[in-house]
């Protein structure tokens, strides 16, 4: 039976939610088309991570385990992915659209002689291949793309699908892999993170985004307090990261991170198209802005017009009361 293969992105021993979204969609398509849905884990501790993945229902979990995968390095990852595809011979290989997969997609498709579709928001199978939709021009237009190649690789935007648990008889197969460090032309010396104690924006269920309206330390403290109450990730508009108010790694938008939380709260954000391109997939959007004509209100599910310095304190107090009553 032909296979739909999902590559599972892992960070610090945890499976990325965006990969589980892609796997859930592949499981659904496999059931519809009488195909096999399989998953691939490439990590220094792949066998243990496979146990986490069984609850999400792939028929087969393929693992490639080696200490070289402690950190993201293109050379061994490309070699391992090529080996896996040649061994498994899938119809398609689906990836979550993460920084690391964007980094290797072009090289991998060239190595395999395969078609590639990047950053799609929807995908389905056709009689001849894959059909997908892809937001372009800062998400102002959605283009339809299609591949009828013998093998198609594609990356899927975070938040495009829901994660579904699935009961299945899952078997785990290890693919032998060896790598000589002498093959490395580039080595990774150190990874510097902006703030290890904060919630990861790309995985956060709730995101609080600060805009130009958060103009001073008092505003920052209100944003941080709200994020603490909701266990949310904190993001920012380009204006604040360029001004040095927030770290550039927290920028949300076309030239920053793409987030797709269950709840997005924009505070003092006008809603420029460049920012909207990075958060339009959010399930529920709440906007707080003193300008009633701000573009953010056009896409918000709930909007509050007013001064954030007057709105946030009672809003935070009420959330604390609700949490204390649970």
C-alpha atoms as a PDB file:
ATOM      1  CA  UNK A   1       0.000   0.000   0.000  1.00  0.00           C
ATOM      2  CA  UNK A   2       1.288   3.476  -0.911  1.00  0.00           C
ATOM      3  CA  UNK A   3       2.475   5.739   1.892  1.00  0.00           C
ATOM      4  CA  UNK A   4       1.937   9.350   2.932  1.00  0.00           C
ATOM      5  CA  UNK A   5       5.016  10.253   4.982  1.00  0.00           C
ATOM      6  CA  UNK A   6       5.033  13.037   7.593  1.00  0.00           C
ATOM      7  CA  UNK A   7       8.369  14.332   8.861  1.00  0.00           C
ATOM      8  CA  UNK A   8       8.099  15.025  12.601  1.00  0.00           C
ATOM      9  CA  UNK A   9       9.937  18.131  13.806  1.00  0.00           C
ATOM     10  CA  UNK A  10      11.329  17.850  17.327  1.00  0.00           C
ATOM     11  CA  UNK A  11      12.646  20.568  19.630  1.00  0.00           C
ATOM     12  CA  UNK A  12      14.349  19.732  22.945  1.00  0.00           C
ATOM     13  CA  UNK A  13      12.813  16.272  22.976  1.00  0.00           C
ATOM     14  CA  UNK A  14       9.275  17.534  22.329  1.00  0.00           C
ATOM     15  CA  UNK A  15       7.254  17.038  19.164  1.00  0.00           C
ATOM     16  CA  UNK A  16       6.205  20.307  17.543  1.00  0.00           C
ATOM     17  CA  UNK A  17       2.446  20.821  17.482  1.00  0.00           C
ATOM     18  CA  UNK A  18       2.648  21.928  13.844  1.00  0.00           C
ATOM     19  CA  UNK A  19       3.972  18.489  12.859  1.00  0.00           C
ATOM     20  CA  UNK A  20       1.071  16.806  14.651  1.00  0.00           C
ATOM     21  CA  UNK A  21      -1.314  19.011  12.662  1.00  0.00           C
ATOM     22  CA  UNK A  22       0.236  17.789   9.410  1.00  0.00           C
ATOM     23  CA  UNK A  23       0.185  14.155  10.565  1.00  0.00           C
ATOM     24  CA  UNK A  24      -3.500  14.449  11.526  1.00  0.00           C
ATOM     25  CA  UNK A  25      -4.346  15.666   8.020  1.00  0.00           C
ATOM     26  CA  UNK A  26      -2.310  12.864   6.425  1.00  0.00           C
ATOM     27  CA  UNK A  27      -4.115  10.326   8.633  1.00  0.00           C
ATOM     28  CA  UNK A  28      -7.422  11.699   7.361  1.00  0.00           C
ATOM     29  CA  UNK A  29      -6.356  11.513   3.705  1.00  0.00           C
ATOM     30  CA  UNK A  30      -4.959   8.009   4.179  1.00  0.00           C
ATOM     31  CA  UNK A  31      -8.338   6.822   5.454  1.00  0.00           C
ATOM     32  CA  UNK A  32     -10.167   8.478   2.554  1.00  0.00           C
ATOM     33  CA  UNK A  33      -7.872   7.082  -0.163  1.00  0.00           C
ATOM     34  CA  UNK A  34      -7.050   3.706   1.418  1.00  0.00           C
ATOM     35  CA  UNK A  35      -3.371   4.577   1.875  1.00  0.00           C
ATOM     36  CA  UNK A  36      -0.888   4.204   4.724  1.00  0.00           C
ATOM     37  CA  UNK A  37      -0.019   7.187   6.921  1.00  0.00           C
ATOM     38  CA  UNK A  38       3.529   6.961   8.258  1.00  0.00           C
ATOM     39  CA  UNK A  39       5.786   9.259  10.253  1.00  0.00           C
ATOM     40  CA  UNK A  40       9.538   9.847  10.284  1.00  0.00           C
ATOM     41  CA  UNK A  41      11.532  10.952  13.340  1.00  0.00           C
ATOM     42  CA  UNK A  42      15.187  11.946  12.947  1.00  0.00           C
ATOM     43  CA  UNK A  43      16.718  12.741  16.320  1.00  0.00           C
ATOM     44  CA  UNK A  44      19.398  11.736  18.801  1.00  0.00           C
ATOM     45  CA  UNK A  45      16.649  10.159  20.905  1.00  0.00           C
ATOM     46  CA  UNK A  46      14.219   9.102  18.171  1.00  0.00           C
ATOM     47  CA  UNK A  47      13.173   5.796  19.763  1.00  0.00           C
ATOM     48  CA  UNK A  48      11.860   7.494  22.924  1.00  0.00           C
ATOM     49  CA  UNK A  49      10.129  10.231  20.942  1.00  0.00           C
ATOM     50  CA  UNK A  50       8.331   7.562  18.911  1.00  0.00           C
ATOM     51  CA  UNK A  51       6.472   6.542  22.087  1.00  0.00           C
ATOM     52  CA  UNK A  52       5.037  10.076  22.337  1.00  0.00           C
ATOM     53  CA  UNK A  53       3.877   9.889  18.735  1.00  0.00           C
ATOM     54  CA  UNK A  54       1.927   6.622  18.900  1.00  0.00           C
ATOM     55  CA  UNK A  55      -1.148   8.360  20.348  1.00  0.00           C
ATOM     56  CA  UNK A  56      -1.558  10.297  17.083  1.00  0.00           C
ATOM     57  CA  UNK A  57      -2.156   7.214  14.980  1.00  0.00           C
ATOM     58  CA  UNK A  58       0.437   6.675  12.241  1.00  0.00           C
ATOM     59  CA  UNK A  59       0.506   3.094  10.974  1.00  0.00           C
ATOM     60  CA  UNK A  60       4.309   3.057  10.938  1.00  0.00           C
ATOM     61  CA  UNK A  61       6.850   5.246  12.714  1.00  0.00           C
ATOM     62  CA  UNK A  62      10.271   5.239  11.068  1.00  0.00           C
ATOM     63  CA  UNK A  63      13.181   6.343  13.243  1.00  0.00           C
ATOM     64  CA  UNK A  64      16.710   7.441  12.431  1.00  0.00           C
ATOM     65  CA  UNK A  65      18.780   7.865  15.586  1.00  0.00           C
ATOM     66  CA  UNK A  66      22.263   9.308  15.861  1.00  0.00           C
ATOM     67  CA  UNK A  67      24.075  11.742  18.238  1.00  0.00           C
ATOM     68  CA  UNK A  68      24.772  14.044  15.282  1.00  0.00           C
ATOM     69  CA  UNK A  69      21.099  15.106  15.384  1.00  0.00           C
ATOM     70  CA  UNK A  70      21.475  16.778  18.777  1.00  0.00           C
ATOM     71  CA  UNK A  71      21.366  20.099  16.901  1.00  0.00           C
ATOM     72  CA  UNK A  72      20.029  21.064  13.498  1.00  0.00           C
ATOM     73  CA  UNK A  73      22.746  20.542  10.888  1.00  0.00           C
ATOM     74  CA  UNK A  74      21.802  20.534   7.216  1.00  0.00           C
ATOM     75  CA  UNK A  75      24.360  18.015   5.959  1.00  0.00           C
ATOM     76  CA  UNK A  76      23.447  14.994   8.143  1.00  0.00           C
ATOM     77  CA  UNK A  77      19.737  15.846   8.061  1.00  0.00           C
ATOM     78  CA  UNK A  78      19.680  15.942   4.259  1.00  0.00           C
ATOM     79  CA  UNK A  79      21.548  12.648   4.120  1.00  0.00           C
ATOM     80  CA  UNK A  80      19.143  11.016   6.570  1.00  0.00           C
ATOM     81  CA  UNK A  81      16.043  12.331   4.805  1.00  0.00           C
ATOM     82  CA  UNK A  82      17.296  11.139   1.419  1.00  0.00           C
ATOM     83  CA  UNK A  83      18.042   7.710   2.891  1.00  0.00           C
ATOM     84  CA  UNK A  84      14.566   7.521   4.447  1.00  0.00           C
ATOM     85  CA  UNK A  85      12.760   8.499   1.246  1.00  0.00           C
ATOM     86  CA  UNK A  86      14.721   5.949  -0.806  1.00  0.00           C
ATOM     87  CA  UNK A  87      13.940   3.262   1.789  1.00  0.00           C
ATOM     88  CA  UNK A  88      10.233   4.065   2.325  1.00  0.00           C
ATOM     89  CA  UNK A  89       9.356   5.185  -1.220  1.00  0.00           C
ATOM     90  CA  UNK A  90       6.388   7.389  -0.222  1.00  0.00           C
ATOM     91  CA  UNK A  91       3.946   9.130  -2.556  1.00  0.00           C
ATOM     92  CA  UNK A  92       4.464  12.429  -0.742  1.00  0.00           C
ATOM     93  CA  UNK A  93       6.530  13.782   2.132  1.00  0.00           C
ATOM     94  CA  UNK A  94       4.766  16.396   4.257  1.00  0.00           C
ATOM     95  CA  UNK A  95       6.578  18.773   6.607  1.00  0.00           C
ATOM     96  CA  UNK A  96       5.452  21.442   9.031  1.00  0.00           C
ATOM     97  CA  UNK A  97       6.624  24.814   7.765  1.00  0.00           C
ATOM     98  CA  UNK A  98       9.349  25.484  10.341  1.00  0.00           C
ATOM     99  CA  UNK A  99      12.600  27.416  10.023  1.00  0.00           C
ATOM    100  CA  UNK A 100      14.602  24.194   9.742  1.00  0.00           C
ATOM    101  CA  UNK A 101      12.439  22.617   7.033  1.00  0.00           C
ATOM    102  CA  UNK A 102      12.432  25.846   5.022  1.00  0.00           C
ATOM    103  CA  UNK A 103      16.214  25.692   5.239  1.00  0.00           C
ATOM    104  CA  UNK A 104      16.466  22.273   3.586  1.00  0.00           C
ATOM    105  CA  UNK A 105      13.416  21.896   1.333  1.00  0.00           C
ATOM    106  CA  UNK A 106      15.062  23.200  -1.837  1.00  0.00           C
ATOM    107  CA  UNK A 107      18.209  21.112  -1.431  1.00  0.00           C
ATOM    108  CA  UNK A 108      16.236  17.983  -0.545  1.00  0.00           C
ATOM    109  CA  UNK A 109      13.917  18.283  -3.553  1.00  0.00           C
ATOM    110  CA  UNK A 110      16.954  18.771  -5.802  1.00  0.00           C
ATOM    111  CA  UNK A 111      18.721  15.738  -4.284  1.00  0.00           C
ATOM    112  CA  UNK A 112      15.638  13.558  -4.781  1.00  0.00           C
ATOM    113  CA  UNK A 113      14.570  15.009  -8.129  1.00  0.00           C
ATOM    114  CA  UNK A 114      11.180  15.746  -6.565  1.00  0.00           C
ATOM    115  CA  UNK A 115       8.648  18.556  -6.869  1.00  0.00           C
ATOM    116  CA  UNK A 116       8.242  20.900  -3.906  1.00  0.00           C
ATOM    117  CA  UNK A 117       5.394  23.111  -2.707  1.00  0.00           C
ATOM    118  CA  UNK A 118       6.240  25.477   0.122  1.00  0.00           C
ATOM    119  CA  UNK A 119       4.181  27.047   2.896  1.00  0.00           C
ATOM    120  CA  UNK A 120       0.746  25.746   1.869  1.00  0.00           C
ATOM    121  CA  UNK A 121      -2.373  26.299   3.983  1.00  0.00           C
ATOM    122  CA  UNK A 122      -4.461  23.436   2.538  1.00  0.00           C
ATOM    123  CA  UNK A 123      -3.611  20.245   0.678  1.00  0.00           C
ATOM    124  CA  UNK A 124      -5.413  17.274  -0.800  1.00  0.00           C
ATOM    125  CA  UNK A 125      -4.630  14.301  -2.996  1.00  0.00           C
ATOM    126  CA  UNK A 126      -5.696  14.051  -6.627  1.00  0.00           C
ATOM    127  CA  UNK A 127      -5.586  11.166  -9.099  1.00  0.00           C
ATOM    128  CA  UNK A 128      -2.249  12.436 -10.370  1.00  0.00           C
ATOM    129  CA  UNK A 129      -0.624  13.983  -7.311  1.00  0.00           C
ATOM    130  CA  UNK A 130      -1.194  16.840  -4.856  1.00  0.00           C
ATOM    131  CA  UNK A 131      -3.311  19.976  -5.029  1.00  0.00           C
ATOM    132  CA  UNK A 132      -2.795  22.761  -2.492  1.00  0.00           C
ATOM    133  CA  UNK A 133      -3.557  26.380  -1.636  1.00  0.00           C
ATOM    134  CA  UNK A 134      -0.799  28.807  -0.775  1.00  0.00           C
ATOM    135  CA  UNK A 135      -1.145  32.358   0.614  1.00  0.00           C
ATOM    136  CA  UNK A 136       1.005  34.864  -1.289  1.00  0.00           C
ATOM    137  CA  UNK A 137       1.621  38.633  -1.273  1.00  0.00           C
ATOM    138  CA  UNK A 138       1.415  38.893   2.522  1.00  0.00           C
ATOM    139  CA  UNK A 139      -1.669  36.630   2.524  1.00  0.00           C
ATOM    140  CA  UNK A 140      -3.682  39.084   0.397  1.00  0.00           C
ATOM    141  CA  UNK A 141      -4.083  36.438  -2.319  1.00  0.00           C
ATOM    142  CA  UNK A 142      -4.441  32.653  -2.116  1.00  0.00           C
ATOM    143  CA  UNK A 143      -2.941  30.801  -5.077  1.00  0.00           C
ATOM    144  CA  UNK A 144      -3.830  27.265  -6.179  1.00  0.00           C
ATOM    145  CA  UNK A 145      -0.824  25.050  -6.848  1.00  0.00           C
ATOM    146  CA  UNK A 146      -0.607  21.466  -8.055  1.00  0.00           C
ATOM    147  CA  UNK A 147       2.039  18.784  -8.553  1.00  0.00           C
ATOM    148  CA  UNK A 148       1.769  15.604 -10.614  1.00  0.00           C
ATOM    149  CA  UNK A 149       5.391  14.536 -10.099  1.00  0.00           C
ATOM    150  CA  UNK A 150       6.257  10.989  -8.998  1.00  0.00           C
ATOM    151  CA  UNK A 151       7.221  12.430  -5.590  1.00  0.00           C
ATOM    152  CA  UNK A 152       6.109  15.697  -4.017  1.00  0.00           C
ATOM    153  CA  UNK A 153       7.551  17.387  -0.933  1.00  0.00           C
ATOM    154  CA  UNK A 154       5.556  20.146   0.710  1.00  0.00           C
ATOM    155  CA  UNK A 155       5.537  22.258   3.856  1.00  0.00           C
ATOM    156  CA  UNK A 156       2.329  23.214   5.671  1.00  0.00           C
ATOM    157  CA  UNK A 157       1.679  26.411   7.606  1.00  0.00           C
ATOM    158  CA  UNK A 158       1.181  26.099  11.330  1.00  0.00           C
ATOM    159  CA  UNK A 159      -2.476  26.276  12.347  1.00  0.00           C
ATOM    160  CA  UNK A 160      -3.827  25.004   9.037  1.00  0.00           C
ATOM    161  CA  UNK A 161      -5.311  21.864  10.624  1.00  0.00           C
ATOM    162  CA  UNK A 162      -6.392  20.666  14.056  1.00  0.00           C
ATOM    163  CA  UNK A 163      -4.501  17.975  15.952  1.00  0.00           C
ATOM    164  CA  UNK A 164      -6.414  14.693  16.318  1.00  0.00           C
ATOM    165  CA  UNK A 165      -5.663  11.702  18.506  1.00  0.00           C
ATOM    166  CA  UNK A 166      -6.137   8.357  16.791  1.00  0.00           C
ATOM    167  CA  UNK A 167      -6.053   4.758  17.980  1.00  0.00           C
ATOM    168  CA  UNK A 168      -3.977   2.558  15.694  1.00  0.00           C
ATOM    169  CA  UNK A 169      -1.759  -0.491  15.685  1.00  0.00           C
ATOM    170  CA  UNK A 170       1.508   1.341  15.241  1.00  0.00           C
ATOM    171  CA  UNK A 171       4.773  -0.398  14.518  1.00  0.00           C
ATOM    172  CA  UNK A 172       8.183   1.211  14.832  1.00  0.00           C
ATOM    173  CA  UNK A 173      10.955   0.554  12.322  1.00  0.00           C
ATOM    174  CA  UNK A 174      14.501   1.822  12.711  1.00  0.00           C
ATOM    175  CA  UNK A 175      16.436   2.811   9.586  1.00  0.00           C
ATOM    176  CA  UNK A 176      20.184   2.202  10.079  1.00  0.00           C
ATOM    177  CA  UNK A 177      22.222   5.368   9.596  1.00  0.00           C
ATOM    178  CA  UNK A 178      25.883   6.276   9.971  1.00  0.00           C
ATOM    179  CA  UNK A 179      27.596   9.611   9.630  1.00  0.00           C
ATOM    180  CA  UNK A 180      31.246  10.607   9.603  1.00  0.00           C
ATOM    181  CA  UNK A 181      31.948  13.980  11.233  1.00  0.00           C
ATOM    182  CA  UNK A 182      34.550  14.606   8.535  1.00  0.00           C
ATOM    183  CA  UNK A 183      31.651  15.149   6.130  1.00  0.00           C
ATOM    184  CA  UNK A 184      30.708  18.317   8.042  1.00  0.00           C
ATOM    185  CA  UNK A 185      31.920  21.468   6.341  1.00  0.00           C
ATOM    186  CA  UNK A 186      29.962  23.683   8.737  1.00  0.00           C
ATOM    187  CA  UNK A 187      29.658  22.981  12.454  1.00  0.00           C
ATOM    188  CA  UNK A 188      27.326  24.484  15.025  1.00  0.00           C
ATOM    189  CA  UNK A 189      29.239  25.928  17.974  1.00  0.00           C
ATOM    190  CA  UNK A 190      26.507  27.524  20.075  1.00  0.00           C
ATOM    191  CA  UNK A 191      22.777  28.261  20.095  1.00  0.00           C
ATOM    192  CA  UNK A 192      21.796  31.549  21.726  1.00  0.00           C
ATOM    193  CA  UNK A 193      18.152  31.868  22.717  1.00  0.00           C
ATOM    194  CA  UNK A 194      16.435  35.137  23.551  1.00  0.00           C
ATOM    195  CA  UNK A 195      14.739  33.926  26.738  1.00  0.00           C
ATOM    196  CA  UNK A 196      14.625  30.256  27.661  1.00  0.00           C
ATOM    197  CA  UNK A 197      12.034  30.771  30.411  1.00  0.00           C
ATOM    198  CA  UNK A 198       9.421  32.208  28.059  1.00  0.00           C
ATOM    199  CA  UNK A 199       6.717  30.309  26.179  1.00  0.00           C
ATOM    200  CA  UNK A 200       7.805  29.373  22.632  1.00  0.00           C
ATOM    201  CA  UNK A 201       5.847  31.599  20.227  1.00  0.00           C
ATOM    202  CA  UNK A 202       5.604  28.968  17.504  1.00  0.00           C
ATOM    203  CA  UNK A 203       4.062  26.423  19.898  1.00  0.00           C
ATOM    204  CA  UNK A 204       2.016  28.742  22.134  1.00  0.00           C
ATOM    205  CA  UNK A 205      -1.720  28.125  22.454  1.00  0.00           C
ATOM    206  CA  UNK A 206      -2.152  31.809  23.376  1.00  0.00           C
ATOM    207  CA  UNK A 207      -0.118  34.745  22.048  1.00  0.00           C
ATOM    208  CA  UNK A 208      -0.081  38.313  23.388  1.00  0.00           C
ATOM    209  CA  UNK A 209       1.291  40.671  20.742  1.00  0.00           C
ATOM    210  CA  UNK A 210       2.484  44.179  21.631  1.00  0.00           C
ATOM    211  CA  UNK A 211       2.344  47.022  19.135  1.00  0.00           C
ATOM    212  CA  UNK A 212       3.349  50.668  18.950  1.00  0.00           C
ATOM    213  CA  UNK A 213       0.687  51.525  21.543  1.00  0.00           C
ATOM    214  CA  UNK A 214       2.804  49.774  24.194  1.00  0.00           C
ATOM    215  CA  UNK A 215       5.011  52.814  24.527  1.00  0.00           C
ATOM    216  CA  UNK A 216       6.804  52.462  27.865  1.00  0.00           C
ATOM    217  CA  UNK A 217       7.850  50.174  30.712  1.00  0.00           C
ATOM    218  CA  UNK A 218       4.397  50.340  32.293  1.00  0.00           C
ATOM    219  CA  UNK A 219       2.879  49.021  29.076  1.00  0.00           C
ATOM    220  CA  UNK A 220       5.439  46.219  28.892  1.00  0.00           C
ATOM    221  CA  UNK A 221       4.674  45.178  32.456  1.00  0.00           C
ATOM    222  CA  UNK A 222       0.961  45.007  31.660  1.00  0.00           C
ATOM    223  CA  UNK A 223       1.662  42.830  28.616  1.00  0.00           C
ATOM    224  CA  UNK A 224       3.918  40.531  30.651  1.00  0.00           C
ATOM    225  CA  UNK A 225       1.349  40.274  33.454  1.00  0.00           C
ATOM    226  CA  UNK A 226      -1.410  39.353  31.013  1.00  0.00           C
ATOM    227  CA  UNK A 227       0.853  36.769  29.381  1.00  0.00           C
ATOM    228  CA  UNK A 228       1.672  35.305  32.794  1.00  0.00           C
ATOM    229  CA  UNK A 229      -2.007  34.957  33.718  1.00  0.00           C
ATOM    230  CA  UNK A 230      -2.813  33.232  30.408  1.00  0.00           C
ATOM    231  CA  UNK A 231       0.463  31.266  30.169  1.00  0.00           C
ATOM    232  CA  UNK A 232       0.918  32.932  26.801  1.00  0.00           C
ATOM    233  CA  UNK A 233       3.810  33.616  24.481  1.00  0.00           C
ATOM    234  CA  UNK A 234       4.745  37.269  23.945  1.00  0.00           C
ATOM    235  CA  UNK A 235       5.268  38.655  20.456  1.00  0.00           C
ATOM    236  CA  UNK A 236       5.702  42.131  19.032  1.00  0.00           C
ATOM    237  CA  UNK A 237       5.234  44.212  15.929  1.00  0.00           C
ATOM    238  CA  UNK A 238       8.138  45.213  13.729  1.00  0.00           C
ATOM    239  CA  UNK A 239       8.026  48.782  15.046  1.00  0.00           C
ATOM    240  CA  UNK A 240       8.812  47.640  18.594  1.00  0.00           C
ATOM    241  CA  UNK A 241      11.545  45.169  17.648  1.00  0.00           C
ATOM    242  CA  UNK A 242      13.278  47.743  15.446  1.00  0.00           C
ATOM    243  CA  UNK A 243      13.070  50.260  18.295  1.00  0.00           C
ATOM    244  CA  UNK A 244      14.764  47.760  20.608  1.00  0.00           C
ATOM    245  CA  UNK A 245      11.767  47.484  22.929  1.00  0.00           C
ATOM    246  CA  UNK A 246      11.491  43.732  22.249  1.00  0.00           C
ATOM    247  CA  UNK A 247      14.008  41.212  20.965  1.00  0.00           C
ATOM    248  CA  UNK A 248      13.929  40.729  17.155  1.00  0.00           C
ATOM    249  CA  UNK A 249      13.235  37.009  17.682  1.00  0.00           C
ATOM    250  CA  UNK A 250       9.773  37.987  18.982  1.00  0.00           C
ATOM    251  CA  UNK A 251       8.698  39.806  15.818  1.00  0.00           C
ATOM    252  CA  UNK A 252       5.479  38.480  14.295  1.00  0.00           C
ATOM    253  CA  UNK A 253       4.805  39.146  10.638  1.00  0.00           C
ATOM    254  CA  UNK A 254       5.834  38.650   7.052  1.00  0.00           C
ATOM    255  CA  UNK A 255       9.508  39.145   7.905  1.00  0.00           C
ATOM    256  CA  UNK A 256       9.226  37.593  11.377  1.00  0.00           C
ATOM    257  CA  UNK A 257       7.536  34.573  12.894  1.00  0.00           C
ATOM    258  CA  UNK A 258       4.260  33.071  11.714  1.00  0.00           C
ATOM    259  CA  UNK A 259       2.033  32.124  14.652  1.00  0.00           C
ATOM    260  CA  UNK A 260      -1.314  30.305  14.733  1.00  0.00           C
ATOM    261  CA  UNK A 261      -2.481  30.122  18.344  1.00  0.00           C
ATOM    262  CA  UNK A 262      -5.943  29.248  19.592  1.00  0.00           C
ATOM    263  CA  UNK A 263      -6.116  32.794  21.018  1.00  0.00           C
ATOM    264  CA  UNK A 264      -4.265  35.890  19.756  1.00  0.00           C
ATOM    265  CA  UNK A 265      -4.580  39.190  21.644  1.00  0.00           C
ATOM    266  CA  UNK A 266      -3.170  42.219  19.833  1.00  0.00           C
ATOM    267  CA  UNK A 267      -2.470  45.151  22.158  1.00  0.00           C
ATOM    268  CA  UNK A 268      -1.868  48.540  20.563  1.00  0.00           C
ATOM    269  CA  UNK A 269      -1.333  46.910  17.160  1.00  0.00           C
ATOM    270  CA  UNK A 270      -2.798  48.718  14.154  1.00  0.00           C
ATOM    271  CA  UNK A 271      -2.896  45.627  11.930  1.00  0.00           C
ATOM    272  CA  UNK A 272      -0.578  46.464   9.043  1.00  0.00           C
ATOM    273  CA  UNK A 273      -0.701  43.814   6.314  1.00  0.00           C
ATOM    274  CA  UNK A 274       2.903  42.759   7.058  1.00  0.00           C
ATOM    275  CA  UNK A 275       1.932  41.887  10.637  1.00  0.00           C
ATOM    276  CA  UNK A 276      -1.368  40.251   9.691  1.00  0.00           C
ATOM    277  CA  UNK A 277       0.534  37.889   7.362  1.00  0.00           C
ATOM    278  CA  UNK A 278       2.137  36.403  10.469  1.00  0.00           C
ATOM    279  CA  UNK A 279      -0.993  35.824  12.575  1.00  0.00           C
ATOM    280  CA  UNK A 280      -4.001  35.541  10.245  1.00  0.00           C
ATOM    281  CA  UNK A 281      -4.311  31.780  10.955  1.00  0.00           C
ATOM    282  CA  UNK A 282      -5.085  32.412  14.646  1.00  0.00           C
ATOM    283  CA  UNK A 283      -8.321  30.708  15.693  1.00  0.00           C
ATOM    284  CA  UNK A 284      -9.696  33.619  17.792  1.00  0.00           C
ATOM    285  CA  UNK A 285      -8.379  37.176  17.385  1.00  0.00           C
ATOM    286  CA  UNK A 286      -8.903  39.867  20.038  1.00  0.00           C
ATOM    287  CA  UNK A 287      -7.811  43.441  19.322  1.00  0.00           C
ATOM    288  CA  UNK A 288      -7.327  46.287  21.813  1.00  0.00           C
ATOM    289  CA  UNK A 289      -6.650  49.660  20.195  1.00  0.00           C
ATOM    290  CA  UNK A 290      -7.701  53.257  20.846  1.00  0.00           C
ATOM    291  CA  UNK A 291      -8.141  53.909  17.109  1.00  0.00           C
ATOM    292  CA  UNK A 292     -11.565  52.591  16.078  1.00  0.00           C
ATOM    293  CA  UNK A 293     -10.480  52.682  12.417  1.00  0.00           C
ATOM    294  CA  UNK A 294      -7.412  50.458  12.955  1.00  0.00           C
ATOM    295  CA  UNK A 295      -7.259  47.705  10.276  1.00  0.00           C
ATOM    296  CA  UNK A 296      -6.839  45.045  12.991  1.00  0.00           C
ATOM    297  CA  UNK A 297     -10.562  45.364  13.766  1.00  0.00           C
ATOM    298  CA  UNK A 298     -11.394  44.155  10.236  1.00  0.00           C
ATOM    299  CA  UNK A 299     -10.063  40.681  11.043  1.00  0.00           C
ATOM    300  CA  UNK A 300     -10.691  40.576  14.800  1.00  0.00           C
ATOM    301  CA  UNK A 301     -13.360  38.304  16.255  1.00  0.00           C
ATOM    302  CA  UNK A 302     -13.597  40.604  19.290  1.00  0.00           C
ATOM    303  CA  UNK A 303     -12.497  44.228  19.506  1.00  0.00           C
ATOM    304  CA  UNK A 304     -12.124  46.704  22.345  1.00  0.00           C
ATOM    305  CA  UNK A 305     -11.690  50.374  21.454  1.00  0.00           C
ATOM    306  CA  UNK A 306      -9.872  52.305  24.157  1.00  0.00           C
ATOM    307  CA  UNK A 307      -6.636  53.093  25.972  1.00  0.00           C
ATOM    308  CA  UNK A 308      -4.786  49.885  26.799  1.00  0.00           C
ATOM    309  CA  UNK A 309      -3.501  51.457  30.049  1.00  0.00           C
ATOM    310  CA  UNK A 310      -7.110  51.758  31.251  1.00  0.00           C
ATOM    311  CA  UNK A 311      -8.395  48.499  29.736  1.00  0.00           C
ATOM    312  CA  UNK A 312      -5.704  45.986  30.715  1.00  0.00           C
ATOM    313  CA  UNK A 313      -5.630  46.398  34.546  1.00  0.00           C
ATOM    314  CA  UNK A 314      -9.345  45.524  35.084  1.00  0.00           C
ATOM    315  CA  UNK A 315      -9.144  42.929  32.298  1.00  0.00           C
ATOM    316  CA  UNK A 316      -6.230  41.196  34.047  1.00  0.00           C
ATOM    317  CA  UNK A 317      -7.969  41.399  37.442  1.00  0.00           C
ATOM    318  CA  UNK A 318     -11.105  39.776  36.023  1.00  0.00           C
ATOM    319  CA  UNK A 319      -9.071  36.962  34.433  1.00  0.00           C
ATOM    320  CA  UNK A 320      -7.380  36.311  37.770  1.00  0.00           C
ATOM    321  CA  UNK A 321     -10.794  36.069  39.463  1.00  0.00           C
ATOM    322  CA  UNK A 322     -12.043  33.600  36.846  1.00  0.00           C
ATOM    323  CA  UNK A 323      -8.925  31.453  37.245  1.00  0.00           C
ATOM    324  CA  UNK A 324      -9.162  31.484  41.044  1.00  0.00           C
ATOM    325  CA  UNK A 325     -12.758  30.229  40.907  1.00  0.00           C
ATOM    326  CA  UNK A 326     -11.821  27.131  38.912  1.00  0.00           C
END
